[in-house]
Every structure is written in structure tokens, then in C-alpha cells.
Amino acid sequence: MNEPHSIRGAEFPNRMAMSPMCINSGTPEGLATDFHVVHYRAPADTVGRAA
């Protein structure tokens, strides 16, 4: 799980991922916005904290 991995030429530092949630759309070019950065960072910021 924590070892580097490659999928179709994309390198990942580990095999942990968060699937798309489809709660907001990106830019017309299909890029993520600041909303997406905050949304996807939130779960990572709570890792290791007591519930």
C-alpha cells in the first residue's frame, strides 16, 4: 500500500486514493478549483486525529 506505484505512466507515491465525489464541477477546461482543493484536503487533514 505504501510503496510507489505506476498506472499508465502516472507515478503515485502510494496506493491510497480518494475517488471523485461529483459534488461540484470544475472549470470549463475540466480543471479543479480552490473548492476541490479544500474539499479533498479535508479528510487528509483529519488522518491520525481522535474522533
N, C-alpha and C. Protein backbone atom coordinates (compact mmCIF):
# COMPACT_ATOMS: atom_id res chain seq x y z
N MET A 1 0.81 -1.20 0.00
CA MET A 1 0.00 0.00 0.00
C MET A 1 0.85 1.27 0.00
N ASN A 2 1.94 1.28 0.71
CA ASN A 2 2.73 2.50 0.86
C ASN A 2 3.93 2.58 -0.07
N GLU A 3 4.00 1.69 -1.03
CA GLU A 3 5.12 1.70 -1.96
C GLU A 3 4.73 2.44 -3.23
N PRO A 4 5.67 3.06 -3.93
CA PRO A 4 5.36 3.76 -5.18
C PRO A 4 4.69 2.82 -6.19
N HIS A 5 3.83 3.39 -7.01
CA HIS A 5 3.07 2.61 -7.98
C HIS A 5 2.87 3.44 -9.24
N SER A 6 2.80 2.79 -10.38
CA SER A 6 2.63 3.47 -11.66
C SER A 6 1.39 2.93 -12.37
N ILE A 7 0.58 3.83 -12.90
CA ILE A 7 -0.59 3.46 -13.71
C ILE A 7 -0.55 4.28 -14.98
N ARG A 8 -0.39 3.61 -16.11
CA ARG A 8 -0.33 4.27 -17.42
C ARG A 8 0.62 5.45 -17.44
N GLY A 9 1.77 5.28 -16.81
CA GLY A 9 2.80 6.31 -16.83
C GLY A 9 2.68 7.35 -15.73
N ALA A 10 1.59 7.35 -14.99
CA ALA A 10 1.44 8.29 -13.87
C ALA A 10 2.03 7.64 -12.63
N GLU A 11 2.94 8.34 -11.96
CA GLU A 11 3.60 7.81 -10.77
C GLU A 11 2.88 8.28 -9.51
N PHE A 12 2.61 7.35 -8.61
CA PHE A 12 1.97 7.65 -7.34
C PHE A 12 2.87 7.19 -6.21
N PRO A 13 3.00 8.01 -5.13
CA PRO A 13 3.89 7.63 -4.04
C PRO A 13 3.36 6.45 -3.22
N ASN A 14 2.07 6.15 -3.34
CA ASN A 14 1.47 5.02 -2.64
C ASN A 14 0.17 4.64 -3.36
N ARG A 15 -0.55 3.68 -2.83
CA ARG A 15 -1.79 3.22 -3.50
C ARG A 15 -3.05 3.75 -2.82
N MET A 16 -2.92 4.77 -2.03
CA MET A 16 -4.08 5.34 -1.36
C MET A 16 -4.67 6.45 -2.23
N ALA A 17 -5.97 6.43 -2.43
CA ALA A 17 -6.62 7.43 -3.28
C ALA A 17 -8.02 7.71 -2.77
N MET A 18 -8.55 8.84 -3.19
CA MET A 18 -9.92 9.21 -2.86
C MET A 18 -10.67 9.37 -4.17
N SER A 19 -11.74 8.63 -4.32
CA SER A 19 -12.48 8.68 -5.58
C SER A 19 -13.23 9.99 -5.75
N PRO A 20 -13.55 10.38 -6.99
CA PRO A 20 -14.30 11.61 -7.23
C PRO A 20 -15.67 11.56 -6.55
N MET A 21 -16.08 12.69 -6.02
CA MET A 21 -17.35 12.75 -5.30
C MET A 21 -18.47 13.39 -6.13
N CYS A 22 -18.12 14.10 -7.19
CA CYS A 22 -19.10 14.72 -8.10
C CYS A 22 -20.05 15.68 -7.39
N ILE A 23 -19.54 16.50 -6.45
CA ILE A 23 -20.42 17.44 -5.78
C ILE A 23 -20.29 18.84 -6.35
N ASN A 24 -19.34 19.06 -7.23
CA ASN A 24 -19.15 20.36 -7.83
C ASN A 24 -18.43 20.15 -9.15
N SER A 25 -18.59 21.07 -10.06
CA SER A 25 -17.91 20.91 -11.34
C SER A 25 -16.67 21.79 -11.37
N GLY A 26 -15.75 21.42 -12.23
CA GLY A 26 -14.51 22.17 -12.37
C GLY A 26 -14.68 23.34 -13.32
N THR A 27 -13.57 23.83 -13.80
CA THR A 27 -13.58 24.93 -14.76
C THR A 27 -14.07 24.40 -16.11
N PRO A 28 -14.39 25.28 -17.04
CA PRO A 28 -14.80 24.81 -18.37
C PRO A 28 -13.74 23.92 -19.04
N GLU A 29 -12.46 24.10 -18.64
CA GLU A 29 -11.38 23.27 -19.19
C GLU A 29 -11.26 21.93 -18.47
N GLY A 30 -12.09 21.72 -17.43
CA GLY A 30 -12.06 20.46 -16.69
C GLY A 30 -11.05 20.41 -15.56
N LEU A 31 -10.56 21.57 -15.13
CA LEU A 31 -9.58 21.62 -14.07
C LEU A 31 -10.23 21.79 -12.70
N ALA A 32 -9.53 21.39 -11.67
CA ALA A 32 -10.02 21.56 -10.30
C ALA A 32 -9.96 23.03 -9.90
N THR A 33 -10.84 23.41 -8.99
CA THR A 33 -10.87 24.78 -8.47
C THR A 33 -10.39 24.79 -7.02
N ASP A 34 -10.35 25.96 -6.40
CA ASP A 34 -9.98 26.04 -4.99
C ASP A 34 -10.95 25.23 -4.14
N PHE A 35 -12.21 25.18 -4.54
CA PHE A 35 -13.20 24.38 -3.81
C PHE A 35 -12.75 22.93 -3.72
N HIS A 36 -12.29 22.38 -4.83
CA HIS A 36 -11.85 20.98 -4.86
C HIS A 36 -10.65 20.75 -3.95
N VAL A 37 -9.71 21.69 -3.97
CA VAL A 37 -8.52 21.55 -3.12
C VAL A 37 -8.93 21.46 -1.65
N VAL A 38 -9.80 22.36 -1.22
CA VAL A 38 -10.26 22.36 0.18
C VAL A 38 -11.04 21.08 0.47
N HIS A 39 -11.94 20.69 -0.44
CA HIS A 39 -12.79 19.52 -0.24
C HIS A 39 -11.99 18.23 -0.11
N TYR A 40 -11.01 18.04 -0.97
CA TYR A 40 -10.24 16.80 -0.94
C TYR A 40 -9.15 16.81 0.13
N ARG A 41 -8.72 17.99 0.56
CA ARG A 41 -7.71 18.07 1.60
C ARG A 41 -8.32 17.79 2.98
N ALA A 42 -9.59 18.10 3.18
CA ALA A 42 -10.23 17.97 4.49
C ALA A 42 -10.05 16.57 5.11
N PRO A 43 -10.35 15.48 4.40
CA PRO A 43 -10.15 14.16 5.01
C PRO A 43 -8.69 13.90 5.36
N ALA A 44 -7.78 14.36 4.54
CA ALA A 44 -6.35 14.15 4.81
C ALA A 44 -5.91 14.89 6.07
N ASP A 45 -6.51 16.05 6.31
CA ASP A 45 -6.15 16.84 7.49
C ASP A 45 -6.62 16.18 8.78
N THR A 46 -7.56 15.24 8.70
CA THR A 46 -8.06 14.60 9.90
C THR A 46 -7.43 13.24 10.18
N VAL A 47 -6.57 12.77 9.30
CA VAL A 47 -5.92 11.47 9.49
C VAL A 47 -5.07 11.50 10.74
N GLY A 48 -5.28 10.53 11.60
CA GLY A 48 -4.49 10.43 12.81
C GLY A 48 -5.10 11.14 14.01
N ARG A 49 -6.17 11.90 13.79
CA ARG A 49 -6.82 12.59 14.91
C ARG A 49 -7.84 11.67 15.55
N ALA A 50 -8.00 11.80 16.84
CA ALA A 50 -9.04 11.04 17.54
C ALA A 50 -10.42 11.59 17.18
N ALA A 51 -11.36 10.70 17.01
CA ALA A 51 -12.72 11.14 16.61
C ALA A 51 -13.48 11.69 17.79
